[in-house]
C-alpha atoms as a PDB file:
ATOM      1  CA  UNK A   1      47.126 103.201  79.546  1.00  0.00           C
ATOM      2  CA  UNK A   2      48.550 100.744  76.987  1.00  0.00           C
ATOM      3  CA  UNK A   3      51.718 101.422  75.060  1.00  0.00           C
ATOM      4  CA  UNK A   4      50.561 102.805  71.705  1.00  0.00           C
ATOM      5  CA  UNK A   5      53.015 102.508  68.822  1.00  0.00           C
ATOM      6  CA  UNK A   6      51.635 105.628  67.089  1.00  0.00           C
ATOM      7  CA  UNK A   7      52.038 107.733  70.233  1.00  0.00           C
ATOM      8  CA  UNK A   8      55.462 106.186  70.756  1.00  0.00           C
ATOM      9  CA  UNK A   9      56.619 107.232  67.282  1.00  0.00           C
ATOM     10  CA  UNK A  10      55.112 110.689  67.704  1.00  0.00           C
ATOM     11  CA  UNK A  11      57.015 111.296  70.930  1.00  0.00           C
ATOM     12  CA  UNK A  12      60.252 109.770  69.638  1.00  0.00           C
ATOM     13  CA  UNK A  13      60.080 112.193  66.699  1.00  0.00           C
ATOM     14  CA  UNK A  14      59.759 114.982  69.246  1.00  0.00           C
ATOM     15  CA  UNK A  15      62.683 113.793  71.403  1.00  0.00           C
ATOM     16  CA  UNK A  16      64.931 113.196  68.391  1.00  0.00           C
ATOM     17  CA  UNK A  17      64.565 116.820  67.276  1.00  0.00           C
ATOM     18  CA  UNK A  18      63.014 115.827  63.925  1.00  0.00           C
ATOM     19  CA  UNK A  19      59.536 117.206  64.660  1.00  0.00           C
ATOM     20  CA  UNK A  20      58.319 120.315  62.846  1.00  0.00           C
ATOM     21  CA  UNK A  21      57.381 123.423  64.815  1.00  0.00           C
ATOM     22  CA  UNK A  22      53.705 122.530  64.484  1.00  0.00           C
ATOM     23  CA  UNK A  23      54.304 118.930  65.611  1.00  0.00           C
ATOM     24  CA  UNK A  24      56.272 120.161  68.602  1.00  0.00           C
ATOM     25  CA  UNK A  25      53.477 122.538  69.623  1.00  0.00           C
ATOM     26  CA  UNK A  26      50.926 119.732  69.267  1.00  0.00           C
ATOM     27  CA  UNK A  27      52.932 117.392  71.484  1.00  0.00           C
ATOM     28  CA  UNK A  28      53.486 120.078  74.117  1.00  0.00           C
ATOM     29  CA  UNK A  29      49.806 121.031  74.116  1.00  0.00           C
ATOM     30  CA  UNK A  30      48.807 117.381  74.438  1.00  0.00           C
ATOM     31  CA  UNK A  31      51.289 116.907  77.292  1.00  0.00           C
ATOM     32  CA  UNK A  32      49.793 119.782  79.269  1.00  0.00           C
ATOM     33  CA  UNK A  33      46.206 118.519  78.880  1.00  0.00           C
ATOM     34  CA  UNK A  34      46.372 116.040  81.765  1.00  0.00           C
ATOM     35  CA  UNK A  35      48.602 114.566  84.422  1.00  0.00           C
ATOM     36  CA  UNK A  36      48.319 111.177  82.714  1.00  0.00           C
ATOM     37  CA  UNK A  37      49.605 112.597  79.426  1.00  0.00           C
ATOM     38  CA  UNK A  38      52.506 114.247  81.244  1.00  0.00           C
ATOM     39  CA  UNK A  39      53.386 110.952  82.913  1.00  0.00           C
ATOM     40  CA  UNK A  40      53.307 109.145  79.566  1.00  0.00           C
ATOM     41  CA  UNK A  41      55.519 111.871  78.070  1.00  0.00           C
ATOM     42  CA  UNK A  42      58.097 111.491  80.879  1.00  0.00           C
ATOM     43  CA  UNK A  43      58.099 107.712  80.712  1.00  0.00           C
ATOM     44  CA  UNK A  44      58.543 107.493  76.940  1.00  0.00           C
ATOM     45  CA  UNK A  45      61.406 109.966  77.293  1.00  0.00           C
ATOM     46  CA  UNK A  46      63.110 107.483  79.637  1.00  0.00           C
ATOM     47  CA  UNK A  47      62.872 104.745  77.031  1.00  0.00           C
ATOM     48  CA  UNK A  48      64.144 107.164  74.387  1.00  0.00           C
ATOM     49  CA  UNK A  49      67.206 107.897  76.543  1.00  0.00           C
ATOM     50  CA  UNK A  50      67.993 104.180  76.632  1.00  0.00           C
ATOM     51  CA  UNK A  51      67.520 104.012  72.856  1.00  0.00           C
ATOM     52  CA  UNK A  52      69.972 106.864  72.410  1.00  0.00           C
ATOM     53  CA  UNK A  53      72.490 104.938  74.493  1.00  0.00           C
ATOM     54  CA  UNK A  54      71.931 101.846  72.393  1.00  0.00           C
ATOM     55  CA  UNK A  55      72.508 103.887  69.230  1.00  0.00           C
ATOM     56  CA  UNK A  56      76.171 104.240  70.230  1.00  0.00           C
ATOM     57  CA  UNK A  57      76.613 100.724  68.881  1.00  0.00           C
ATOM     58  CA  UNK A  58      76.356 100.825  65.094  1.00  0.00           C
ATOM     59  CA  UNK A  59      75.258  97.170  65.153  1.00  0.00           C
ATOM     60  CA  UNK A  60      72.276  97.813  67.395  1.00  0.00           C
ATOM     61  CA  UNK A  61      68.919  98.824  65.912  1.00  0.00           C
ATOM     62  CA  UNK A  62      66.431 100.247  68.426  1.00  0.00           C
ATOM     63  CA  UNK A  63      63.395  99.667  66.193  1.00  0.00           C
ATOM     64  CA  UNK A  64      63.713  95.868  66.109  1.00  0.00           C
ATOM     65  CA  UNK A  65      64.663  95.948  69.799  1.00  0.00           C
ATOM     66  CA  UNK A  66      61.421  97.739  70.649  1.00  0.00           C
ATOM     67  CA  UNK A  67      59.409  95.222  68.605  1.00  0.00           C
ATOM     68  CA  UNK A  68      61.221  92.388  70.381  1.00  0.00           C
ATOM     69  CA  UNK A  69      60.311  93.938  73.721  1.00  0.00           C
ATOM     70  CA  UNK A  70      56.675  94.370  72.657  1.00  0.00           C
ATOM     71  CA  UNK A  71      56.415  90.682  71.751  1.00  0.00           C
ATOM     72  CA  UNK A  72      58.057  89.778  75.048  1.00  0.00           C
ATOM     73  CA  UNK A  73      55.583  92.004  76.917  1.00  0.00           C
ATOM     74  CA  UNK A  74      52.598  90.349  75.192  1.00  0.00           C
ATOM     75  CA  UNK A  75      53.954  86.932  76.145  1.00  0.00           C
ATOM     76  CA  UNK A  76      54.353  88.024  79.763  1.00  0.00           C
ATOM     77  CA  UNK A  77      50.719  89.146  79.924  1.00  0.00           C
ATOM     78  CA  UNK A  78      49.611  85.627  78.932  1.00  0.00           C
ATOM     79  CA  UNK A  79      51.499  84.154  81.874  1.00  0.00           C
ATOM     80  CA  UNK A  80      50.451  86.481  84.680  1.00  0.00           C
ATOM     81  CA  UNK A  81      49.723  83.589  87.035  1.00  0.00           C
ATOM     82  CA  UNK A  82      53.219  82.205  86.655  1.00  0.00           C
ATOM     83  CA  UNK A  83      55.195  85.458  86.464  1.00  0.00           C
ATOM     84  CA  UNK A  84      54.711  88.509  88.666  1.00  0.00           C
ATOM     85  CA  UNK A  85      54.398  91.318  86.136  1.00  0.00           C
ATOM     86  CA  UNK A  86      53.988  95.017  86.884  1.00  0.00           C
ATOM     87  CA  UNK A  87      50.802  96.462  85.441  1.00  0.00           C
ATOM     88  CA  UNK A  88      51.494 100.195  85.396  1.00  0.00           C
ATOM     89  CA  UNK A  89      52.888 101.983  82.377  1.00  0.00           C
ATOM     90  CA  UNK A  90      55.630 103.279  84.628  1.00  0.00           C
ATOM     91  CA  UNK A  91      56.788  99.720  85.213  1.00  0.00           C
ATOM     92  CA  UNK A  92      56.437  98.864  81.539  1.00  0.00           C
ATOM     93  CA  UNK A  93      58.584 101.713  80.282  1.00  0.00           C
ATOM     94  CA  UNK A  94      61.245 101.209  82.938  1.00  0.00           C
ATOM     95  CA  UNK A  95      61.474  97.547  81.873  1.00  0.00           C
ATOM     96  CA  UNK A  96      61.609  98.627  78.245  1.00  0.00           C
ATOM     97  CA  UNK A  97      64.499 100.982  78.845  1.00  0.00           C
ATOM     98  CA  UNK A  98      66.425  98.314  80.739  1.00  0.00           C
ATOM     99  CA  UNK A  99      65.726  95.742  78.017  1.00  0.00           C
ATOM    100  CA  UNK A 100      66.939  98.125  75.306  1.00  0.00           C
ATOM    101  CA  UNK A 101      70.139  98.805  77.214  1.00  0.00           C
ATOM    102  CA  UNK A 102      70.737  95.131  77.943  1.00  0.00           C
ATOM    103  CA  UNK A 103      70.060  94.219  74.316  1.00  0.00           C
ATOM    104  CA  UNK A 104      72.649  96.772  73.202  1.00  0.00           C
ATOM    105  CA  UNK A 105      75.233  95.221  75.519  1.00  0.00           C
ATOM    106  CA  UNK A 106      74.294  91.643  74.637  1.00  0.00           C
ATOM    107  CA  UNK A 107      74.356  92.372  70.889  1.00  0.00           C
ATOM    108  CA  UNK A 108      77.916  93.595  71.150  1.00  0.00           C
ATOM    109  CA  UNK A 109      79.141  90.768  73.371  1.00  0.00           C
ATOM    110  CA  UNK A 110      77.452  88.172  71.153  1.00  0.00           C
ATOM    111  CA  UNK A 111      80.008  88.992  68.478  1.00  0.00           C
ATOM    112  CA  UNK A 112      82.939  88.405  70.817  1.00  0.00           C
ATOM    113  CA  UNK A 113      83.757  84.750  70.193  1.00  0.00           C
ATOM    114  CA  UNK A 114      86.277  84.490  73.039  1.00  0.00           C
ATOM    115  CA  UNK A 115      87.794  86.574  75.807  1.00  0.00           C
ATOM    116  CA  UNK A 116      91.120  86.734  73.960  1.00  0.00           C
ATOM    117  CA  UNK A 117      92.400  90.320  74.137  1.00  0.00           C
ATOM    118  CA  UNK A 118      88.990  91.798  74.970  1.00  0.00           C
ATOM    119  CA  UNK A 119      89.574  95.444  75.947  1.00  0.00           C
ATOM    120  CA  UNK A 120      87.999  98.868  75.898  1.00  0.00           C
ATOM    121  CA  UNK A 121      84.372  97.825  76.398  1.00  0.00           C
ATOM    122  CA  UNK A 122      82.393 100.403  78.422  1.00  0.00           C
ATOM    123  CA  UNK A 123      78.839 100.353  79.793  1.00  0.00           C
ATOM    124  CA  UNK A 124      77.417 103.613  81.126  1.00  0.00           C
ATOM    125  CA  UNK A 125      74.106 103.043  82.922  1.00  0.00           C
ATOM    126  CA  UNK A 126      72.071 106.280  82.997  1.00  0.00           C
ATOM    127  CA  UNK A 127      70.118 107.458  85.992  1.00  0.00           C
ATOM    128  CA  UNK A 128      66.729 105.777  86.102  1.00  0.00           C
ATOM    129  CA  UNK A 129      67.973 102.456  84.681  1.00  0.00           C
ATOM    130  CA  UNK A 130      69.764  99.252  85.659  1.00  0.00           C
ATOM    131  CA  UNK A 131      71.582  96.799  83.412  1.00  0.00           C
ATOM    132  CA  UNK A 132      73.123  93.324  83.313  1.00  0.00           C
ATOM    133  CA  UNK A 133      76.321  92.303  81.531  1.00  0.00           C
ATOM    134  CA  UNK A 134      77.701  88.852  80.770  1.00  0.00           C
ATOM    135  CA  UNK A 135      81.410  88.947  79.910  1.00  0.00           C
ATOM    136  CA  UNK A 136      83.005  86.510  77.449  1.00  0.00           C
ATOM    137  CA  UNK A 137      84.641  84.584  80.345  1.00  0.00           C
ATOM    138  CA  UNK A 138      81.184  83.889  81.841  1.00  0.00           C
ATOM    139  CA  UNK A 139      81.356  86.504  84.603  1.00  0.00           C
ATOM    140  CA  UNK A 140      77.981  88.140  85.259  1.00  0.00           C
ATOM    141  CA  UNK A 141      77.679  91.732  86.430  1.00  0.00           C
ATOM    142  CA  UNK A 142      74.534  93.592  87.542  1.00  0.00           C
ATOM    143  CA  UNK A 143      74.924  97.375  87.326  1.00  0.00           C
ATOM    144  CA  UNK A 144      72.923  99.948  89.257  1.00  0.00           C
ATOM    145  CA  UNK A 145      71.772 103.394  88.103  1.00  0.00           C
ATOM    146  CA  UNK A 146      74.487 105.962  87.440  1.00  0.00           C
ATOM    147  CA  UNK A 147      77.227 103.334  87.127  1.00  0.00           C
ATOM    148  CA  UNK A 148      80.133 103.194  84.691  1.00  0.00           C
ATOM    149  CA  UNK A 149      81.707  99.792  84.043  1.00  0.00           C
ATOM    150  CA  UNK A 150      84.833  99.413  81.910  1.00  0.00           C
ATOM    151  CA  UNK A 151      86.760  96.335  80.799  1.00  0.00           C
ATOM    152  CA  UNK A 152      90.448  97.215  81.039  1.00  0.00           C
ATOM    153  CA  UNK A 153      91.712  93.844  79.823  1.00  0.00           C
ATOM    154  CA  UNK A 154      90.102  90.424  79.586  1.00  0.00           C
ATOM    155  CA  UNK A 155      92.212  87.573  78.228  1.00  0.00           C
ATOM    156  CA  UNK A 156      93.622  84.152  79.116  1.00  0.00           C
ATOM    157  CA  UNK A 157      96.314  85.856  81.205  1.00  0.00           C
ATOM    158  CA  UNK A 158      94.547  88.841  82.796  1.00  0.00           C
ATOM    159  CA  UNK A 159      91.029  89.795  83.886  1.00  0.00           C
ATOM    160  CA  UNK A 160      90.797  93.429  84.984  1.00  0.00           C
ATOM    161  CA  UNK A 161      87.819  95.828  85.015  1.00  0.00           C
ATOM    162  CA  UNK A 162      86.980  99.211  86.540  1.00  0.00           C
ATOM    163  CA  UNK A 163      83.775 100.188  88.355  1.00  0.00           C
ATOM    164  CA  UNK A 164      82.421 103.594  89.332  1.00  0.00           C
ATOM    165  CA  UNK A 165      78.996 103.283  90.961  1.00  0.00           C
ATOM    166  CA  UNK A 166      77.441 100.047  92.205  1.00  0.00           C
ATOM    167  CA  UNK A 167      77.676  96.534  90.830  1.00  0.00           C
ATOM    168  CA  UNK A 168      77.091  92.934  91.870  1.00  0.00           C
ATOM    169  CA  UNK A 169      79.678  90.499  90.478  1.00  0.00           C
ATOM    170  CA  UNK A 170      79.341  86.754  89.998  1.00  0.00           C
ATOM    171  CA  UNK A 171      82.846  85.954  88.809  1.00  0.00           C
ATOM    172  CA  UNK A 172      83.580  82.875  86.705  1.00  0.00           C
ATOM    173  CA  UNK A 173      86.212  80.731  88.454  1.00  0.00           C
ATOM    174  CA  UNK A 174      89.699  80.619  86.929  1.00  0.00           C
ATOM    175  CA  UNK A 175      92.420  79.484  89.354  1.00  0.00           C
ATOM    176  CA  UNK A 176      95.200  80.622  87.033  1.00  0.00           C
ATOM    177  CA  UNK A 177      93.764  84.033  86.262  1.00  0.00           C
ATOM    178  CA  UNK A 178      92.453  86.251  89.099  1.00  0.00           C
ATOM    179  CA  UNK A 179      89.668  88.748  88.391  1.00  0.00           C
ATOM    180  CA  UNK A 180      90.492  92.293  89.558  1.00  0.00           C
ATOM    181  CA  UNK A 181      87.935  95.062  90.023  1.00  0.00           C
ATOM    182  CA  UNK A 182      89.498  98.517  90.251  1.00  0.00           C
ATOM    183  CA  UNK A 183      87.645 101.384  91.971  1.00  0.00           C
ATOM    184  CA  UNK A 184      88.623 104.912  92.940  1.00  0.00           C
ATOM    185  CA  UNK A 185      89.150 103.746  96.534  1.00  0.00           C
ATOM    186  CA  UNK A 186      90.488 100.188  96.407  1.00  0.00           C
ATOM    187  CA  UNK A 187      90.952  97.121  94.224  1.00  0.00           C
ATOM    188  CA  UNK A 188      89.340  93.710  94.793  1.00  0.00           C
ATOM    189  CA  UNK A 189      91.126  90.543  93.641  1.00  0.00           C
ATOM    190  CA  UNK A 190      89.219  87.247  93.324  1.00  0.00           C
ATOM    191  CA  UNK A 191      89.436  83.853  91.645  1.00  0.00           C
ATOM    192  CA  UNK A 192      85.735  83.059  91.497  1.00  0.00           C
ATOM    193  CA  UNK A 193      83.070  84.383  93.822  1.00  0.00           C
ATOM    194  CA  UNK A 194      80.109  86.767  94.194  1.00  0.00           C
ATOM    195  CA  UNK A 195      80.211  90.157  95.866  1.00  0.00           C
ATOM    196  CA  UNK A 196      78.745  93.663  95.805  1.00  0.00           C
ATOM    197  CA  UNK A 197      80.705  96.901  95.400  1.00  0.00           C
ATOM    198  CA  UNK A 198      79.325 100.382  96.024  1.00  0.00           C
ATOM    199  CA  UNK A 199      81.641 103.273  95.168  1.00  0.00           C
ATOM    200  CA  UNK A 200      79.786 106.298  93.810  1.00  0.00           C
ATOM    201  CA  UNK A 201      81.922 109.398  93.477  1.00  0.00           C
ATOM    202  CA  UNK A 202      79.322 111.600  95.206  1.00  0.00           C
ATOM    203  CA  UNK A 203      78.847 109.248  98.181  1.00  0.00           C
ATOM    204  CA  UNK A 204      80.721 109.740 101.424  1.00  0.00           C
ATOM    205  CA  UNK A 205      81.352 106.035 101.834  1.00  0.00           C
ATOM    206  CA  UNK A 206      82.581 103.215  99.593  1.00  0.00           C
ATOM    207  CA  UNK A 207      82.032  99.570 100.487  1.00  0.00           C
ATOM    208  CA  UNK A 208      82.329  95.946  99.435  1.00  0.00           C
ATOM    209  CA  UNK A 209      80.169  93.032 100.622  1.00  0.00           C
ATOM    210  CA  UNK A 210      81.117  89.389 100.095  1.00  0.00           C
ATOM    211  CA  UNK A 211      78.329  86.864  99.456  1.00  0.00           C
ATOM    212  CA  UNK A 212      80.416  83.743  98.932  1.00  0.00           C
ATOM    213  CA  UNK A 213      83.955  82.688  98.120  1.00  0.00           C
ATOM    214  CA  UNK A 214      87.002  84.719  99.062  1.00  0.00           C
ATOM    215  CA  UNK A 215      88.305  88.142  98.064  1.00  0.00           C
ATOM    216  CA  UNK A 216      91.053  90.458  99.145  1.00  0.00           C
ATOM    217  CA  UNK A 217      91.047  94.257  99.279  1.00  0.00           C
ATOM    218  CA  UNK A 218      94.152  95.946  97.911  1.00  0.00           C
ATOM    219  CA  UNK A 219      95.246  99.550  98.382  1.00  0.00           C
ATOM    220  CA  UNK A 220      98.564 101.249  97.588  1.00  0.00           C
ATOM    221  CA  UNK A 221     101.051 101.066 100.443  1.00  0.00           C
ATOM    222  CA  UNK A 222      99.022  98.563 102.475  1.00  0.00           C
ATOM    223  CA  UNK A 223      98.949  94.822 102.940  1.00  0.00           C
ATOM    224  CA  UNK A 224      96.036  93.055 101.270  1.00  0.00           C
ATOM    225  CA  UNK A 225      93.021  92.476 103.546  1.00  0.00           C
ATOM    226  CA  UNK A 226      90.981  89.282 103.130  1.00  0.00           C
ATOM    227  CA  UNK A 227      87.258  89.298 103.948  1.00  0.00           C
ATOM    228  CA  UNK A 228      84.898  86.433 104.697  1.00  0.00           C
ATOM    229  CA  UNK A 229      81.386  85.700 103.358  1.00  0.00           C
ATOM    230  CA  UNK A 230      78.827  87.895 105.096  1.00  0.00           C
ATOM    231  CA  UNK A 231      81.390  90.618 105.837  1.00  0.00           C
ATOM    232  CA  UNK A 232      81.034  94.191 104.637  1.00  0.00           C
ATOM    233  CA  UNK A 233      84.140  96.352 104.373  1.00  0.00           C
ATOM    234  CA  UNK A 234      83.779 100.136 104.374  1.00  0.00           C
ATOM    235  CA  UNK A 235      86.494 102.449 103.100  1.00  0.00           C
ATOM    236  CA  UNK A 236      86.931 105.277 105.610  1.00  0.00           C
ATOM    237  CA  UNK A 237      89.563 107.216 103.684  1.00  0.00           C
ATOM    238  CA  UNK A 238      93.313 107.572 104.138  1.00  0.00           C
ATOM    239  CA  UNK A 239      93.782 103.835 103.707  1.00  0.00           C
ATOM    240  CA  UNK A 240      91.540 102.865 106.612  1.00  0.00           C
ATOM    241  CA  UNK A 241      89.038 100.021 106.412  1.00  0.00           C
ATOM    242  CA  UNK A 242      86.216  98.972 108.722  1.00  0.00           C
ATOM    243  CA  UNK A 243      84.789  95.425 108.702  1.00  0.00           C
ATOM    244  CA  UNK A 244      81.128  94.948 109.690  1.00  0.00           C
ATOM    245  CA  UNK A 245      79.558  91.553 110.378  1.00  0.00           C
ATOM    246  CA  UNK A 246      76.012  90.274 110.823  1.00  0.00           C
ATOM    247  CA  UNK A 247      74.291  92.574 108.318  1.00  0.00           C
ATOM    248  CA  UNK A 248      70.995  91.949 106.545  1.00  0.00           C
ATOM    249  CA  UNK A 249      72.103  90.710 103.128  1.00  0.00           C
ATOM    250  CA  UNK A 250      68.739  91.632 101.583  1.00  0.00           C
ATOM    251  CA  UNK A 251      69.288  95.280 102.438  1.00  0.00           C
ATOM    252  CA  UNK A 252      72.575  95.255 100.514  1.00  0.00           C
ATOM    253  CA  UNK A 253      71.572  93.244  97.433  1.00  0.00           C
ATOM    254  CA  UNK A 254      67.872  94.014  96.892  1.00  0.00           C
ATOM    255  CA  UNK A 255      68.693  97.010  94.660  1.00  0.00           C
ATOM    256  CA  UNK A 256      69.021  94.491  91.815  1.00  0.00           C
ATOM    257  CA  UNK A 257      65.230  94.049  92.011  1.00  0.00           C
ATOM    258  CA  UNK A 258      64.583  97.773  92.414  1.00  0.00           C
ATOM    259  CA  UNK A 259      63.939  97.574  96.173  1.00  0.00           C
ATOM    260  CA  UNK A 260      65.922  99.541  98.729  1.00  0.00           C
ATOM    261  CA  UNK A 261      65.838  98.679 102.434  1.00  0.00           C
ATOM    262  CA  UNK A 262      66.869 101.481 104.783  1.00  0.00           C
ATOM    263  CA  UNK A 263      67.890 101.219 108.425  1.00  0.00           C
ATOM    264  CA  UNK A 264      67.924 104.631 110.125  1.00  0.00           C
ATOM    265  CA  UNK A 265      69.224 106.299 106.954  1.00  0.00           C
ATOM    266  CA  UNK A 266      69.302 110.077 106.645  1.00  0.00           C
ATOM    267  CA  UNK A 267      66.900 111.552 104.090  1.00  0.00           C
ATOM    268  CA  UNK A 268      69.904 113.285 102.516  1.00  0.00           C
ATOM    269  CA  UNK A 269      71.393 109.863 101.698  1.00  0.00           C
ATOM    270  CA  UNK A 270      68.050 108.430 100.560  1.00  0.00           C
ATOM    271  CA  UNK A 271      67.710 111.439  98.246  1.00  0.00           C
ATOM    272  CA  UNK A 272      70.824 110.371  96.314  1.00  0.00           C
ATOM    273  CA  UNK A 273      69.275 106.939  95.813  1.00  0.00           C
ATOM    274  CA  UNK A 274      66.074 108.531  94.464  1.00  0.00           C
ATOM    275  CA  UNK A 275      68.035 110.822  92.145  1.00  0.00           C
ATOM    276  CA  UNK A 276      69.827 107.871  90.565  1.00  0.00           C
ATOM    277  CA  UNK A 277      66.779 105.619  90.430  1.00  0.00           C
ATOM    278  CA  UNK A 278      64.464 108.203  88.808  1.00  0.00           C
ATOM    279  CA  UNK A 279      66.848 110.619  87.069  1.00  0.00           C
ATOM    280  CA  UNK A 280      65.454 113.541  89.060  1.00  0.00           C
ATOM    281  CA  UNK A 281      66.878 116.259  91.281  1.00  0.00           C
ATOM    282  CA  UNK A 282      65.995 116.257  94.983  1.00  0.00           C
ATOM    283  CA  UNK A 283      65.989 119.477  97.002  1.00  0.00           C
ATOM    284  CA  UNK A 284      65.285 120.096 100.686  1.00  0.00           C
ATOM    285  CA  UNK A 285      63.605 123.221 101.999  1.00  0.00           C
ATOM    286  CA  UNK A 286      65.506 123.079 105.298  1.00  0.00           C
ATOM    287  CA  UNK A 287      68.662 121.492 106.667  1.00  0.00           C
ATOM    288  CA  UNK A 288      66.617 119.972 109.474  1.00  0.00           C
ATOM    289  CA  UNK A 289      64.584 117.711 107.221  1.00  0.00           C
ATOM    290  CA  UNK A 290      67.762 116.448 105.490  1.00  0.00           C
ATOM    291  CA  UNK A 291      68.907 115.038 108.842  1.00  0.00           C
ATOM    292  CA  UNK A 292      65.676 113.129 109.522  1.00  0.00           C
ATOM    293  CA  UNK A 293      66.205 109.357 109.544  1.00  0.00           C
ATOM    294  CA  UNK A 294      64.014 106.707 107.938  1.00  0.00           C
ATOM    295  CA  UNK A 295      63.617 102.966 108.427  1.00  0.00           C
ATOM    296  CA  UNK A 296      61.638 101.018 105.845  1.00  0.00           C
ATOM    297  CA  UNK A 297      61.698  99.815 102.238  1.00  0.00           C
ATOM    298  CA  UNK A 298      61.005 101.614  98.963  1.00  0.00           C
ATOM    299  CA  UNK A 299      60.361  99.982  95.570  1.00  0.00           C
ATOM    300  CA  UNK A 300      61.670 102.209  92.775  1.00  0.00           C
ATOM    301  CA  UNK A 301      59.902 100.087  90.150  1.00  0.00           C
ATOM    302  CA  UNK A 302      56.880 102.151  91.187  1.00  0.00           C
ATOM    303  CA  UNK A 303      56.285 105.735  90.130  1.00  0.00           C
ATOM    304  CA  UNK A 304      58.169 108.276  92.200  1.00  0.00           C
ATOM    305  CA  UNK A 305      54.921 109.751  93.557  1.00  0.00           C
ATOM    306  CA  UNK A 306      53.858 106.317  94.839  1.00  0.00           C
ATOM    307  CA  UNK A 307      57.224 105.902  96.536  1.00  0.00           C
ATOM    308  CA  UNK A 308      56.998 109.345  98.130  1.00  0.00           C
ATOM    309  CA  UNK A 309      53.438 108.721  99.313  1.00  0.00           C
ATOM    310  CA  UNK A 310      54.657 105.570 101.058  1.00  0.00           C
ATOM    311  CA  UNK A 311      57.559 107.500 102.551  1.00  0.00           C
ATOM    312  CA  UNK A 312      55.178 110.161 103.871  1.00  0.00           C
ATOM    313  CA  UNK A 313      52.911 107.560 105.484  1.00  0.00           C
ATOM    314  CA  UNK A 314      55.687 105.488 107.071  1.00  0.00           C
ATOM    315  CA  UNK A 315      58.245 108.174 107.942  1.00  0.00           C
ATOM    316  CA  UNK A 316      56.984 108.945 111.438  1.00  0.00           C
ATOM    317  CA  UNK A 317      57.465 112.698 111.028  1.00  0.00           C
ATOM    318  CA  UNK A 318      55.412 115.398 109.202  1.00  0.00           C
ATOM    319  CA  UNK A 319      56.961 114.926 105.780  1.00  0.00           C
ATOM    320  CA  UNK A 320      55.720 116.782 102.692  1.00  0.00           C
ATOM    321  CA  UNK A 321      56.834 116.854  99.071  1.00  0.00           C
ATOM    322  CA  UNK A 322      56.070 118.305  95.668  1.00  0.00           C
ATOM    323  CA  UNK A 323      57.239 117.184  92.234  1.00  0.00           C
ATOM    324  CA  UNK A 324      57.558 119.647  89.364  1.00  0.00           C
ATOM    325  CA  UNK A 325      59.632 119.418  86.165  1.00  0.00           C
ATOM    326  CA  UNK A 326      61.586 116.447  87.537  1.00  0.00           C
ATOM    327  CA  UNK A 327      62.561 118.347  90.673  1.00  0.00           C
ATOM    328  CA  UNK A 328      61.419 116.715  93.926  1.00  0.00           C
ATOM    329  CA  UNK A 329      61.238 119.164  96.826  1.00  0.00           C
ATOM    330  CA  UNK A 330      61.029 117.653 100.315  1.00  0.00           C
ATOM    331  CA  UNK A 331      59.916 119.581 103.383  1.00  0.00           C
ATOM    332  CA  UNK A 332      58.350 118.946 106.780  1.00  0.00           C
ATOM    333  CA  UNK A 333      55.708 120.797 108.780  1.00  0.00           C
ATOM    334  CA  UNK A 334      57.000 120.833 112.355  1.00  0.00           C
ATOM    335  CA  UNK A 335      54.262 123.132 113.676  1.00  0.00           C
END
């Protein structure tokens, strides 16, 4: 199904609360007519959520942003042989939402002529989306779903930000001015390097992985710990750190492309990834199925049902699922 501007406007009117009672009934009746209509409804709602986020900036106009995206999409279709482009509407709308969010961020930063006294800037990435930020000092940050990123202070004398969630940093080098990332568990101090931080509040484990350069982990009451490229440091709580070497870098960084690689991960942990990636709730019918472990890769650029079908086929145990009203229920038939 192609993106139809008339249907888009009709649904946006519904989501904005400006539809009349009759218009609301018409949309709801249309949505219930087919599974395809319901999918379109859900996907346009995702784009609308990103538009609502963009509306927080009074300089950002979602209408022109959507038209810009539409022109970009048409251009991409003309270059299918050169650029791998996802054909499903699910992929289209997820790209649209990310583009709208990134445009909102870029529009604001475009008006910052320098990093002098740049403070108070916050990016909140909703579940189901990812975003990219380029700071005035040239530092690039990729942000995963459900992440909050805040600039505490960015100037010629201090570079300090805060991260809650997951982000990949490519820090612009400045030998006189270290870049500090604060998290709820530890701080990371660098001069110029690239690294990944994962520190969701609802995860049992926080970690940092260094791609290149040099960083040091800082925690209150402890000496700073330096890590080397290819090392992953896990925060075990109570000021304890564990360094792991020889990991598959793709498995740590591929989330930026929407792909997650799992190595004997519990379904309970994979469920949190799915909740953030799709803005859904995952429930398990039994405790036993939560403890099942999975090895494989899942591409969350696909529709959640496609991902679950692949999980069922490749899981190696009798997995079942059902999806209703954005609640994914996972079970297993052990008979």
